[in-house]
């Protein structure tokens, strides 16, 4: 079995230099900022961002519209309930008045019957 050979200091320095050179080559190979491909990519990103913002604004407008519609429905429902409550109160008042008249007529009849007996 072969023994493991540790790398020496010079070998590690050479490996680090090669890695640094590879990284520099990688970044040196990148296209410049005024390259048509880079400009096209930036324009595409900008268009996508603008479209995203437009969709977000559209969603916000729909939310506002929906809230307004729901508020309108709630207002109509409240008005309908108020009208129903007013109608119920009116009917209750009429029933009470009718009942009072009937009770008064019955009381007057009893009073008249008592007077007739005397």
PDB file of N, CA and C in Angstrom:
ATOM      1  N   UNK A   1       0.838  -1.165   0.000  1.00  0.00           N
ATOM      2  CA  UNK A   1       0.000   0.000   0.000  1.00  0.00           C
ATOM      3  C   UNK A   1       0.891   1.238   0.000  1.00  0.00           C
ATOM      4  N   UNK A   2       0.490   2.207  -0.872  1.00  0.00           N
ATOM      5  CA  UNK A   2       1.311   3.417  -0.974  1.00  0.00           C
ATOM      6  C   UNK A   2       0.929   4.396   0.123  1.00  0.00           C
ATOM      7  N   UNK A   3       1.873   5.079   0.608  1.00  0.00           N
ATOM      8  CA  UNK A   3       1.578   6.048   1.660  1.00  0.00           C
ATOM      9  C   UNK A   3       1.133   7.376   1.030  1.00  0.00           C
ATOM     10  N   UNK A   4       0.386   8.099   1.776  1.00  0.00           N
ATOM     11  CA  UNK A   4      -0.135   9.386   1.327  1.00  0.00           C
ATOM     12  C   UNK A   4       0.989  10.407   1.342  1.00  0.00           C
ATOM     13  N   UNK A   5       1.135  11.107   0.205  1.00  0.00           N
ATOM     14  CA  UNK A   5       2.196  12.107   0.117  1.00  0.00           C
ATOM     15  C   UNK A   5       1.561  13.476   0.315  1.00  0.00           C
ATOM     16  N   UNK A   6       1.946  14.166   1.345  1.00  0.00           N
ATOM     17  CA  UNK A   6       1.423  15.502   1.597  1.00  0.00           C
ATOM     18  C   UNK A   6       2.030  16.479   0.615  1.00  0.00           C
ATOM     19  N   UNK A   7       1.221  17.476   0.243  1.00  0.00           N
ATOM     20  CA  UNK A   7       1.719  18.509  -0.647  1.00  0.00           C
ATOM     21  C   UNK A   7       2.601  19.459   0.127  1.00  0.00           C
ATOM     22  N   UNK A   8       3.637  19.863  -0.509  1.00  0.00           N
ATOM     23  CA  UNK A   8       4.541  20.805   0.125  1.00  0.00           C
ATOM     24  C   UNK A   8       4.043  22.232  -0.032  1.00  0.00           C
ATOM     25  N   UNK A   9       4.744  23.160   0.585  1.00  0.00           N
ATOM     26  CA  UNK A   9       4.358  24.574   0.565  1.00  0.00           C
ATOM     27  C   UNK A   9       4.348  25.114  -0.858  1.00  0.00           C
ATOM     28  N   UNK A  10       5.370  24.793  -1.636  1.00  0.00           N
ATOM     29  CA  UNK A  10       5.444  25.288  -3.009  1.00  0.00           C
ATOM     30  C   UNK A  10       4.315  24.737  -3.864  1.00  0.00           C
ATOM     31  N   UNK A  11       3.957  23.489  -3.658  1.00  0.00           N
ATOM     32  CA  UNK A  11       2.853  22.902  -4.417  1.00  0.00           C
ATOM     33  C   UNK A  11       1.536  23.594  -4.080  1.00  0.00           C
ATOM     34  N   UNK A  12       1.342  23.920  -2.813  1.00  0.00           N
ATOM     35  CA  UNK A  12       0.118  24.624  -2.411  1.00  0.00           C
ATOM     36  C   UNK A  12       0.085  26.027  -3.012  1.00  0.00           C
ATOM     37  N   UNK A  13       1.251  26.702  -3.037  1.00  0.00           N
ATOM     38  CA  UNK A  13       1.318  28.033  -3.650  1.00  0.00           C
ATOM     39  C   UNK A  13       0.993  27.966  -5.130  1.00  0.00           C
ATOM     40  N   UNK A  14       1.510  26.953  -5.808  1.00  0.00           N
ATOM     41  CA  UNK A  14       1.242  26.802  -7.237  1.00  0.00           C
ATOM     42  C   UNK A  14      -0.248  26.514  -7.480  1.00  0.00           C
ATOM     43  N   UNK A  15      -0.847  25.686  -6.638  1.00  0.00           N
ATOM     44  CA  UNK A  15      -2.271  25.371  -6.782  1.00  0.00           C
ATOM     45  C   UNK A  15      -3.116  26.623  -6.567  1.00  0.00           C
ATOM     46  N   UNK A  16      -2.760  27.445  -5.577  1.00  0.00           N
ATOM     47  CA  UNK A  16      -3.491  28.687  -5.315  1.00  0.00           C
ATOM     48  C   UNK A  16      -3.334  29.650  -6.476  1.00  0.00           C
ATOM     49  N   UNK A  17      -2.139  29.731  -7.043  1.00  0.00           N
ATOM     50  CA  UNK A  17      -1.902  30.620  -8.179  1.00  0.00           C
ATOM     51  C   UNK A  17      -2.709  30.160  -9.389  1.00  0.00           C
ATOM     52  N   UNK A  18      -2.772  28.836  -9.602  1.00  0.00           N
ATOM     53  CA  UNK A  18      -3.566  28.321 -10.724  1.00  0.00           C
ATOM     54  C   UNK A  18      -5.050  28.621 -10.531  1.00  0.00           C
ATOM     55  N   UNK A  19      -5.526  28.485  -9.309  1.00  0.00           N
ATOM     56  CA  UNK A  19      -6.932  28.763  -9.024  1.00  0.00           C
ATOM     57  C   UNK A  19      -7.243  30.236  -9.248  1.00  0.00           C
ATOM     58  N   UNK A  20      -6.320  31.101  -8.802  1.00  0.00           N
ATOM     59  CA  UNK A  20      -6.504  32.542  -8.986  1.00  0.00           C
ATOM     60  C   UNK A  20      -6.505  32.882 -10.469  1.00  0.00           C
ATOM     61  N   UNK A  21      -5.602  32.292 -11.223  1.00  0.00           N
ATOM     62  CA  UNK A  21      -5.518  32.530 -12.666  1.00  0.00           C
ATOM     63  C   UNK A  21      -6.792  32.048 -13.366  1.00  0.00           C
ATOM     64  N   UNK A  22      -7.310  30.910 -12.940  1.00  0.00           N
ATOM     65  CA  UNK A  22      -8.542  30.391 -13.543  1.00  0.00           C
ATOM     66  C   UNK A  22      -9.714  31.334 -13.279  1.00  0.00           C
ATOM     67  N   UNK A  23      -9.782  31.868 -12.067  1.00  0.00           N
ATOM     68  CA  UNK A  23     -10.846  32.811 -11.731  1.00  0.00           C
ATOM     69  C   UNK A  23     -10.714  34.080 -12.556  1.00  0.00           C
ATOM     70  N   UNK A  24      -9.486  34.585 -12.691  1.00  0.00           N
ATOM     71  CA  UNK A  24      -9.275  35.782 -13.505  1.00  0.00           C
ATOM     72  C   UNK A  24      -9.655  35.532 -14.964  1.00  0.00           C
ATOM     73  N   UNK A  25      -9.306  34.361 -15.481  1.00  0.00           N
ATOM     74  CA  UNK A  25      -9.652  34.018 -16.867  1.00  0.00           C
ATOM     75  C   UNK A  25     -11.177  33.959 -17.040  1.00  0.00           C
ATOM     76  N   UNK A  26     -11.823  33.431 -16.015  1.00  0.00           N
ATOM     77  CA  UNK A  26     -13.283  33.315 -16.069  1.00  0.00           C
ATOM     78  C   UNK A  26     -13.924  34.702 -16.184  1.00  0.00           C
ATOM     79  N   UNK A  27     -13.453  35.643 -15.365  1.00  0.00           N
ATOM     80  CA  UNK A  27     -14.022  36.981 -15.397  1.00  0.00           C
ATOM     81  C   UNK A  27     -13.527  37.784 -16.595  1.00  0.00           C
ATOM     82  N   UNK A  28     -12.351  37.491 -17.091  1.00  0.00           N
ATOM     83  CA  UNK A  28     -11.840  38.191 -18.271  1.00  0.00           C
ATOM     84  C   UNK A  28     -12.629  37.781 -19.507  1.00  0.00           C
ATOM     85  N   UNK A  29     -13.178  36.590 -19.509  1.00  0.00           N
ATOM     86  CA  UNK A  29     -13.940  36.104 -20.652  1.00  0.00           C
ATOM     87  C   UNK A  29     -15.359  36.636 -20.721  1.00  0.00           C
ATOM     88  N   UNK A  30     -15.763  37.341 -19.679  1.00  0.00           N
ATOM     89  CA  UNK A  30     -17.123  37.898 -19.685  1.00  0.00           C
ATOM     90  C   UNK A  30     -17.226  39.004 -20.718  1.00  0.00           C
ATOM     91  N   UNK A  31     -18.416  39.167 -21.333  1.00  0.00           N
ATOM     92  CA  UNK A  31     -18.588  40.246 -22.305  1.00  0.00           C
ATOM     93  C   UNK A  31     -18.638  41.604 -21.602  1.00  0.00           C
ATOM     94  N   UNK A  32     -18.300  42.650 -22.333  1.00  0.00           N
ATOM     95  CA  UNK A  32     -18.286  44.009 -21.785  1.00  0.00           C
ATOM     96  C   UNK A  32     -19.725  44.506 -21.605  1.00  0.00           C
ATOM     97  N   UNK A  33     -19.847  45.628 -20.881  1.00  0.00           N
ATOM     98  CA  UNK A  33     -21.166  46.192 -20.606  1.00  0.00           C
ATOM     99  C   UNK A  33     -21.858  46.688 -21.879  1.00  0.00           C
ATOM    100  N   UNK A  34     -21.095  47.103 -22.882  1.00  0.00           N
ATOM    101  CA  UNK A  34     -21.702  47.616 -24.107  1.00  0.00           C
ATOM    102  C   UNK A  34     -21.873  46.542 -25.176  1.00  0.00           C
ATOM    103  N   UNK A  35     -21.656  45.295 -24.816  1.00  0.00           N
ATOM    104  CA  UNK A  35     -21.849  44.180 -25.742  1.00  0.00           C
ATOM    105  C   UNK A  35     -23.353  44.048 -26.053  1.00  0.00           C
ATOM    106  N   UNK A  36     -23.714  43.824 -27.313  1.00  0.00           N
ATOM    107  CA  UNK A  36     -25.146  43.741 -27.673  1.00  0.00           C
ATOM    108  C   UNK A  36     -25.902  42.656 -26.898  1.00  0.00           C
ATOM    109  N   UNK A  37     -25.266  41.544 -26.619  1.00  0.00           N
ATOM    110  CA  UNK A  37     -25.944  40.479 -25.877  1.00  0.00           C
ATOM    111  C   UNK A  37     -26.254  40.930 -24.451  1.00  0.00           C
ATOM    112  N   UNK A  38     -25.318  41.635 -23.819  1.00  0.00           N
ATOM    113  CA  UNK A  38     -25.524  42.124 -22.456  1.00  0.00           C
ATOM    114  C   UNK A  38     -26.621  43.181 -22.453  1.00  0.00           C
ATOM    115  N   UNK A  39     -26.570  44.076 -23.428  1.00  0.00           N
ATOM    116  CA  UNK A  39     -27.574  45.134 -23.518  1.00  0.00           C
ATOM    117  C   UNK A  39     -28.957  44.519 -23.731  1.00  0.00           C
ATOM    118  N   UNK A  40     -29.040  43.505 -24.594  1.00  0.00           N
ATOM    119  CA  UNK A  40     -30.323  42.843 -24.847  1.00  0.00           C
ATOM    120  C   UNK A  40     -30.833  42.150 -23.582  1.00  0.00           C
ATOM    121  N   UNK A  41     -29.939  41.513 -22.836  1.00  0.00           N
ATOM    122  CA  UNK A  41     -30.334  40.840 -21.607  1.00  0.00           C
ATOM    123  C   UNK A  41     -30.850  41.851 -20.572  1.00  0.00           C
ATOM    124  N   UNK A  42     -30.165  42.993 -20.467  1.00  0.00           N
ATOM    125  CA  UNK A  42     -30.620  44.032 -19.533  1.00  0.00           C
ATOM    126  C   UNK A  42     -31.977  44.574 -19.948  1.00  0.00           C
ATOM    127  N   UNK A  43     -32.159  44.780 -21.252  1.00  0.00           N
ATOM    128  CA  UNK A  43     -33.444  45.278 -21.744  1.00  0.00           C
ATOM    129  C   UNK A  43     -34.557  44.270 -21.454  1.00  0.00           C
ATOM    130  N   UNK A  44     -34.268  42.998 -21.630  1.00  0.00           N
ATOM    131  CA  UNK A  44     -35.268  41.962 -21.350  1.00  0.00           C
ATOM    132  C   UNK A  44     -35.630  41.956 -19.868  1.00  0.00           C
ATOM    133  N   UNK A  45     -34.630  42.097 -18.992  1.00  0.00           N
ATOM    134  CA  UNK A  45     -34.897  42.148 -17.552  1.00  0.00           C
ATOM    135  C   UNK A  45     -35.732  43.371 -17.196  1.00  0.00           C
ATOM    136  N   UNK A  46     -35.418  44.504 -17.819  1.00  0.00           N
ATOM    137  CA  UNK A  46     -36.165  45.731 -17.566  1.00  0.00           C
ATOM    138  C   UNK A  46     -37.615  45.585 -18.032  1.00  0.00           C
ATOM    139  N   UNK A  47     -37.807  44.990 -19.213  1.00  0.00           N
ATOM    140  CA  UNK A  47     -39.167  44.756 -19.715  1.00  0.00           C
ATOM    141  C   UNK A  47     -39.935  43.831 -18.778  1.00  0.00           C
ATOM    142  N   UNK A  48     -39.281  42.789 -18.300  1.00  0.00           N
ATOM    143  CA  UNK A  48     -39.939  41.855 -17.381  1.00  0.00           C
ATOM    144  C   UNK A  48     -40.308  42.566 -16.080  1.00  0.00           C
ATOM    145  N   UNK A  49     -39.425  43.415 -15.583  1.00  0.00           N
ATOM    146  CA  UNK A  49     -39.713  44.154 -14.349  1.00  0.00           C
ATOM    147  C   UNK A  49     -40.884  45.112 -14.555  1.00  0.00           C
ATOM    148  N   UNK A  50     -40.904  45.791 -15.698  1.00  0.00           N
ATOM    149  CA  UNK A  50     -42.015  46.704 -15.998  1.00  0.00           C
ATOM    150  C   UNK A  50     -43.327  45.946 -16.118  1.00  0.00           C
ATOM    151  N   UNK A  51     -43.291  44.795 -16.772  1.00  0.00           N
ATOM    152  CA  UNK A  51     -44.502  43.978 -16.901  1.00  0.00           C
ATOM    153  C   UNK A  51     -44.974  43.504 -15.529  1.00  0.00           C
ATOM    154  N   UNK A  52     -44.028  43.117 -14.673  1.00  0.00           N
ATOM    155  CA  UNK A  52     -44.363  42.672 -13.324  1.00  0.00           C
ATOM    156  C   UNK A  52     -45.029  43.809 -12.540  1.00  0.00           C
ATOM    157  N   UNK A  53     -44.478  45.018 -12.662  1.00  0.00           N
ATOM    158  CA  UNK A  53     -45.059  46.174 -11.973  1.00  0.00           C
ATOM    159  C   UNK A  53     -46.447  46.487 -12.507  1.00  0.00           C
ATOM    160  N   UNK A  54     -46.628  46.354 -13.828  1.00  0.00           N
ATOM    161  CA  UNK A  54     -47.939  46.612 -14.424  1.00  0.00           C
ATOM    162  C   UNK A  54     -48.967  45.608 -13.913  1.00  0.00           C
ATOM    163  N   UNK A  55     -48.561  44.344 -13.820  1.00  0.00           N
ATOM    164  CA  UNK A  55     -49.479  43.330 -13.300  1.00  0.00           C
ATOM    165  C   UNK A  55     -49.822  43.605 -11.841  1.00  0.00           C
ATOM    166  N   UNK A  56     -48.833  44.034 -11.070  1.00  0.00           N
ATOM    167  CA  UNK A  56     -49.081  44.348  -9.658  1.00  0.00           C
ATOM    168  C   UNK A  56     -50.043  45.533  -9.538  1.00  0.00           C
ATOM    169  N   UNK A  57     -49.864  46.546 -10.390  1.00  0.00           N
ATOM    170  CA  UNK A  57     -50.761  47.701 -10.364  1.00  0.00           C
ATOM    171  C   UNK A  57     -52.171  47.289 -10.770  1.00  0.00           C
ATOM    172  N   UNK A  58     -52.264  46.396 -11.740  1.00  0.00           N
ATOM    173  CA  UNK A  58     -53.571  45.906 -12.183  1.00  0.00           C
ATOM    174  C   UNK A  58     -54.264  45.134 -11.058  1.00  0.00           C
ATOM    175  N   UNK A  59     -53.483  44.295 -10.359  1.00  0.00           N
ATOM    176  CA  UNK A  59     -54.051  43.555  -9.234  1.00  0.00           C
ATOM    177  C   UNK A  59     -54.525  44.511  -8.144  1.00  0.00           C
ATOM    178  N   UNK A  60     -53.740  45.540  -7.870  1.00  0.00           N
ATOM    179  CA  UNK A  60     -54.118  46.517  -6.846  1.00  0.00           C
ATOM    180  C   UNK A  60     -55.396  47.244  -7.256  1.00  0.00           C
ATOM    181  N   UNK A  61     -55.508  47.603  -8.540  1.00  0.00           N
ATOM    182  CA  UNK A  61     -56.715  48.275  -9.023  1.00  0.00           C
ATOM    183  C   UNK A  61     -57.930  47.354  -8.893  1.00  0.00           C
ATOM    184  N   UNK A  62     -57.752  46.079  -9.193  1.00  0.00           N
ATOM    185  CA  UNK A  62     -58.858  45.131  -9.053  1.00  0.00           C
ATOM    186  C   UNK A  62     -59.274  44.996  -7.595  1.00  0.00           C
ATOM    187  N   UNK A  63     -58.283  44.991  -6.684  1.00  0.00           N
ATOM    188  CA  UNK A  63     -58.604  44.900  -5.260  1.00  0.00           C
ATOM    189  C   UNK A  63     -59.420  46.109  -4.819  1.00  0.00           C
ATOM    190  N   UNK A  64     -59.004  47.299  -5.266  1.00  0.00           N
ATOM    191  CA  UNK A  64     -59.728  48.520  -4.898  1.00  0.00           C
ATOM    192  C   UNK A  64     -61.140  48.465  -5.457  1.00  0.00           C
ATOM    193  N   UNK A  65     -61.261  48.027  -6.701  1.00  0.00           N
ATOM    194  CA  UNK A  65     -62.576  47.917  -7.332  1.00  0.00           C
ATOM    195  C   UNK A  65     -63.462  46.917  -6.582  1.00  0.00           C
ATOM    196  N   UNK A  66     -62.879  45.798  -6.199  1.00  0.00           N
ATOM    197  CA  UNK A  66     -63.635  44.781  -5.468  1.00  0.00           C
ATOM    198  C   UNK A  66     -64.066  45.308  -4.099  1.00  0.00           C
ATOM    199  N   UNK A  67     -63.179  46.035  -3.414  1.00  0.00           N
ATOM    200  CA  UNK A  67     -63.545  46.622  -2.123  1.00  0.00           C
ATOM    201  C   UNK A  67     -64.686  47.615  -2.279  1.00  0.00           C
ATOM    202  N   UNK A  68     -64.628  48.424  -3.346  1.00  0.00           N
ATOM    203  CA  UNK A  68     -65.702  49.391  -3.593  1.00  0.00           C
ATOM    204  C   UNK A  68     -67.013  48.664  -3.867  1.00  0.00           C
ATOM    205  N   UNK A  69     -66.943  47.584  -4.642  1.00  0.00           N
ATOM    206  CA  UNK A  69     -68.156  46.817  -4.951  1.00  0.00           C
ATOM    207  C   UNK A  69     -68.732  46.199  -3.678  1.00  0.00           C
ATOM    208  N   UNK A  70     -67.856  45.637  -2.837  1.00  0.00           N
ATOM    209  CA  UNK A  70     -68.326  45.047  -1.585  1.00  0.00           C
ATOM    210  C   UNK A  70     -68.905  46.105  -0.647  1.00  0.00           C
ATOM    211  N   UNK A  71     -68.294  47.286  -0.631  1.00  0.00           N
ATOM    212  CA  UNK A  71     -68.822  48.370   0.195  1.00  0.00           C
ATOM    213  C   UNK A  71     -70.204  48.790  -0.300  1.00  0.00           C
ATOM    214  N   UNK A  72     -70.366  48.848  -1.622  1.00  0.00           N
ATOM    215  CA  UNK A  72     -71.664  49.192  -2.201  1.00  0.00           C
ATOM    216  C   UNK A  72     -72.712  48.149  -1.820  1.00  0.00           C
ATOM    217  N   UNK A  73     -72.336  46.863  -1.922  1.00  0.00           N
ATOM    218  CA  UNK A  73     -73.261  45.792  -1.543  1.00  0.00           C
ATOM    219  C   UNK A  73     -73.619  45.875  -0.061  1.00  0.00           C
ATOM    220  N   UNK A  74     -72.634  46.156   0.772  1.00  0.00           N
ATOM    221  CA  UNK A  74     -72.881  46.270   2.208  1.00  0.00           C
ATOM    222  C   UNK A  74     -73.812  47.447   2.497  1.00  0.00           C
ATOM    223  N   UNK A  75     -73.608  48.542   1.778  1.00  0.00           N
ATOM    224  CA  UNK A  75     -74.455  49.716   1.965  1.00  0.00           C
ATOM    225  C   UNK A  75     -75.893  49.405   1.548  1.00  0.00           C
ATOM    226  N   UNK A  76     -76.042  48.723   0.410  1.00  0.00           N
ATOM    227  CA  UNK A  76     -77.382  48.351  -0.047  1.00  0.00           C
ATOM    228  C   UNK A  76     -78.045  47.396   0.944  1.00  0.00           C
ATOM    229  N   UNK A  77     -77.270  46.442   1.460  1.00  0.00           N
ATOM    230  CA  UNK A  77     -77.798  45.495   2.440  1.00  0.00           C
ATOM    231  C   UNK A  77     -78.218  46.218   3.715  1.00  0.00           C
ATOM    232  N   UNK A  78     -77.406  47.167   4.157  1.00  0.00           N
ATOM    233  CA  UNK A  78     -77.743  47.933   5.360  1.00  0.00           C
ATOM    234  C   UNK A  78     -79.026  48.743   5.134  1.00  0.00           C
ATOM    235  N   UNK A  79     -79.155  49.344   3.944  1.00  0.00           N
ATOM    236  CA  UNK A  79     -80.369  50.111   3.643  1.00  0.00           C
ATOM    237  C   UNK A  79     -81.588  49.191   3.620  1.00  0.00           C
ATOM    238  N   UNK A  80     -81.430  47.994   3.043  1.00  0.00           N
ATOM    239  CA  UNK A  80     -82.536  47.050   2.985  1.00  0.00           C
ATOM    240  C   UNK A  80     -82.942  46.608   4.396  1.00  0.00           C
ATOM    241  N   UNK A  81     -81.931  46.316   5.220  1.00  0.00           N
ATOM    242  CA  UNK A  81     -82.230  45.913   6.597  1.00  0.00           C
ATOM    243  C   UNK A  81     -82.895  47.037   7.381  1.00  0.00           C
ATOM    244  N   UNK A  82     -82.468  48.279   7.151  1.00  0.00           N
ATOM    245  CA  UNK A  82     -83.078  49.414   7.837  1.00  0.00           C
ATOM    246  C   UNK A  82     -84.535  49.563   7.406  1.00  0.00           C
ATOM    247  N   UNK A  83     -84.805  49.382   6.103  1.00  0.00           N
ATOM    248  CA  UNK A  83     -86.183  49.476   5.619  1.00  0.00           C
ATOM    249  C   UNK A  83     -87.037  48.367   6.214  1.00  0.00           C
ATOM    250  N   UNK A  84     -86.488  47.154   6.289  1.00  0.00           N
ATOM    251  CA  UNK A  84     -87.226  46.042   6.893  1.00  0.00           C
ATOM    252  C   UNK A  84     -87.501  46.306   8.371  1.00  0.00           C
ATOM    253  N   UNK A  85     -86.519  46.854   9.067  1.00  0.00           N
ATOM    254  CA  UNK A  85     -86.697  47.157  10.492  1.00  0.00           C
ATOM    255  C   UNK A  85     -87.762  48.229  10.675  1.00  0.00           C
ATOM    256  N   UNK A  86     -87.745  49.234   9.807  1.00  0.00           N
ATOM    257  CA  UNK A  86     -88.749  50.295   9.890  1.00  0.00           C
ATOM    258  C   UNK A  86     -90.150  49.734   9.614  1.00  0.00           C
ATOM    259  N   UNK A  87     -90.245  48.863   8.613  1.00  0.00           N
ATOM    260  CA  UNK A  87     -91.529  48.236   8.298  1.00  0.00           C
ATOM    261  C   UNK A  87     -92.010  47.384   9.467  1.00  0.00           C
ATOM    262  N   UNK A  88     -91.088  46.622  10.063  1.00  0.00           N
ATOM    263  CA  UNK A  88     -91.455  45.788  11.207  1.00  0.00           C
ATOM    264  C   UNK A  88     -91.905  46.656  12.375  1.00  0.00           C
ATOM    265  N   UNK A  89     -91.225  47.776  12.605  1.00  0.00           N
ATOM    266  CA  UNK A  89     -91.604  48.675  13.695  1.00  0.00           C
ATOM    267  C   UNK A  89     -92.982  49.281  13.437  1.00  0.00           C
ATOM    268  N   UNK A  90     -93.244  49.659  12.198  1.00  0.00           N
ATOM    269  CA  UNK A  90     -94.549  50.220  11.840  1.00  0.00           C
ATOM    270  C   UNK A  90     -95.655  49.192  12.056  1.00  0.00           C
ATOM    271  N   UNK A  91     -95.401  47.962  11.606  1.00  0.00           N
ATOM    272  CA  UNK A  91     -96.399  46.904  11.769  1.00  0.00           C
ATOM    273  C   UNK A  91     -96.630  46.600  13.244  1.00  0.00           C
ATOM    274  N   UNK A  92     -95.558  46.599  14.028  1.00  0.00           N
ATOM    275  CA  UNK A  92     -95.695  46.355  15.468  1.00  0.00           C
ATOM    276  C   UNK A  92     -96.510  47.468  16.117  1.00  0.00           C
ATOM    277  N   UNK A  93     -96.272  48.712  15.701  1.00  0.00           N
ATOM    278  CA  UNK A  93     -97.029  49.838  16.262  1.00  0.00           C
ATOM    279  C   UNK A  93     -98.506  49.719  15.884  1.00  0.00           C
ATOM    280  N   UNK A  94     -98.796  49.320  14.649  1.00  0.00           N
ATOM    281  CA  UNK A  94    -100.187  49.141  14.226  1.00  0.00           C
ATOM    282  C   UNK A  94    -100.853  48.018  15.015  1.00  0.00           C
ATOM    283  N   UNK A  95    -100.136  46.897  15.214  1.00  0.00           N
ATOM    284  CA  UNK A  95    -100.692  45.792  15.997  1.00  0.00           C
ATOM    285  C   UNK A  95    -100.975  46.237  17.429  1.00  0.00           C
ATOM    286  N   UNK A  96    -100.055  47.020  17.994  1.00  0.00           N
ATOM    287  CA  UNK A  96    -100.228  47.495  19.360  1.00  0.00           C
ATOM    288  C   UNK A  96    -101.443  48.419  19.452  1.00  0.00           C
ATOM    289  N   UNK A  97    -101.585  49.310  18.472  1.00  0.00           N
ATOM    290  CA  UNK A  97    -102.722  50.236  18.471  1.00  0.00           C
ATOM    291  C   UNK A  97    -104.035  49.469  18.334  1.00  0.00           C
ATOM    292  N   UNK A  98    -104.031  48.465  17.444  1.00  0.00           N
ATOM    293  CA  UNK A  98    -105.238  47.649  17.260  1.00  0.00           C
ATOM    294  C   UNK A  98    -105.566  46.892  18.539  1.00  0.00           C
ATOM    295  N   UNK A  99    -104.566  46.316  19.174  1.00  0.00           N
ATOM    296  CA  UNK A  99    -104.771  45.580  20.417  1.00  0.00           C
ATOM    297  C   UNK A  99    -105.305  46.499  21.509  1.00  0.00           C
ATOM    298  N   UNK A 100    -104.760  47.721  21.591  1.00  0.00           N
ATOM    299  CA  UNK A 100    -105.231  48.672  22.606  1.00  0.00           C
ATOM    300  C   UNK A 100    -106.687  49.045  22.356  1.00  0.00           C
ATOM    301  N   UNK A 101    -107.048  49.227  21.077  1.00  0.00           N
ATOM    302  CA  UNK A 101    -108.445  49.550  20.749  1.00  0.00           C
ATOM    303  C   UNK A 101    -109.357  48.394  21.149  1.00  0.00           C
ATOM    304  N   UNK A 102    -108.937  47.161  20.838  1.00  0.00           N
ATOM    305  CA  UNK A 102    -109.744  45.995  21.187  1.00  0.00           C
ATOM    306  C   UNK A 102    -109.884  45.869  22.704  1.00  0.00           C
ATOM    307  N   UNK A 103    -108.774  46.099  23.425  1.00  0.00           N
ATOM    308  CA  UNK A 103    -108.823  46.011  24.884  1.00  0.00           C
ATOM    309  C   UNK A 103    -109.739  47.091  25.465  1.00  0.00           C
ATOM    310  N   UNK A 104    -109.664  48.298  24.889  1.00  0.00           N
ATOM    311  CA  UNK A 104    -110.510  49.399  25.371  1.00  0.00           C
ATOM    312  C   UNK A 104    -111.969  49.080  25.096  1.00  0.00           C
ATOM    313  N   UNK A 105    -112.234  48.522  23.909  1.00  0.00           N
ATOM    314  CA  UNK A 105    -113.624  48.164  23.584  1.00  0.00           C
ATOM    315  C   UNK A 105    -114.117  47.085  24.540  1.00  0.00           C
ATOM    316  N   UNK A 106    -113.294  46.089  24.849  1.00  0.00           N
ATOM    317  CA  UNK A 106    -113.696  45.035  25.784  1.00  0.00           C
ATOM    318  C   UNK A 106    -113.899  45.615  27.177  1.00  0.00           C
ATOM    319  N   UNK A 107    -113.039  46.520  27.603  1.00  0.00           N
ATOM    320  CA  UNK A 107    -113.160  47.150  28.920  1.00  0.00           C
ATOM    321  C   UNK A 107    -114.437  47.996  28.989  1.00  0.00           C
ATOM    322  N   UNK A 108    -114.699  48.753  27.911  1.00  0.00           N
ATOM    323  CA  UNK A 108    -115.915  49.573  27.874  1.00  0.00           C
ATOM    324  C   UNK A 108    -117.162  48.689  27.899  1.00  0.00           C
ATOM    325  N   UNK A 109    -117.061  47.535  27.210  1.00  0.00           N
ATOM    326  CA  UNK A 109    -118.214  46.619  27.196  1.00  0.00           C
ATOM    327  C   UNK A 109    -118.448  46.052  28.586  1.00  0.00           C
ATOM    328  N   UNK A 110    -117.396  45.695  29.276  1.00  0.00           N
ATOM    329  CA  UNK A 110    -117.532  45.183  30.652  1.00  0.00           C
ATOM    330  C   UNK A 110    -118.122  46.262  31.568  1.00  0.00           C
ATOM    331  N   UNK A 111    -117.667  47.514  31.405  1.00  0.00           N
ATOM    332  CA  UNK A 111    -118.135  48.621  32.212  1.00  0.00           C
ATOM    333  C   UNK A 111    -119.637  48.851  31.938  1.00  0.00           C
ATOM    334  N   UNK A 112    -119.982  48.796  30.647  1.00  0.00           N
ATOM    335  CA  UNK A 112    -121.387  48.984  30.286  1.00  0.00           C
ATOM    336  C   UNK A 112    -122.249  47.855  30.833  1.00  0.00           C
ATOM    337  N   UNK A 113    -121.713  46.637  30.824  1.00  0.00           N
ATOM    338  CA  UNK A 113    -122.464  45.488  31.347  1.00  0.00           C
ATOM    339  C   UNK A 113    -122.673  45.646  32.843  1.00  0.00           C
ATOM    340  N   UNK A 114    -121.668  46.106  33.573  1.00  0.00           N
ATOM    341  CA  UNK A 114    -121.791  46.340  35.006  1.00  0.00           C
ATOM    342  C   UNK A 114    -122.824  47.420  35.288  1.00  0.00           C
ATOM    343  N   UNK A 115    -122.809  48.474  34.497  1.00  0.00           N
ATOM    344  CA  UNK A 115    -123.789  49.578  34.692  1.00  0.00           C
ATOM    345  C   UNK A 115    -125.200  49.089  34.402  1.00  0.00           C
ATOM    346  N   UNK A 116    -125.296  48.193  33.410  1.00  0.00           N
ATOM    347  CA  UNK A 116    -126.624  47.699  33.041  1.00  0.00           C
ATOM    348  C   UNK A 116    -127.175  46.807  34.145  1.00  0.00           C
ATOM    349  N   UNK A 117    -126.325  46.109  34.869  1.00  0.00           N
ATOM    350  CA  UNK A 117    -126.786  45.226  35.942  1.00  0.00           C
ATOM    351  C   UNK A 117    -127.323  46.018  37.130  1.00  0.00           C
ATOM    352  N   UNK A 118    -126.859  47.212  37.356  1.00  0.00           N
ATOM    353  CA  UNK A 118    -127.262  48.001  38.521  1.00  0.00           C
ATOM    354  C   UNK A 118    -128.546  48.660  38.299  1.00  0.00           C
TER     355      UNK A 118
END
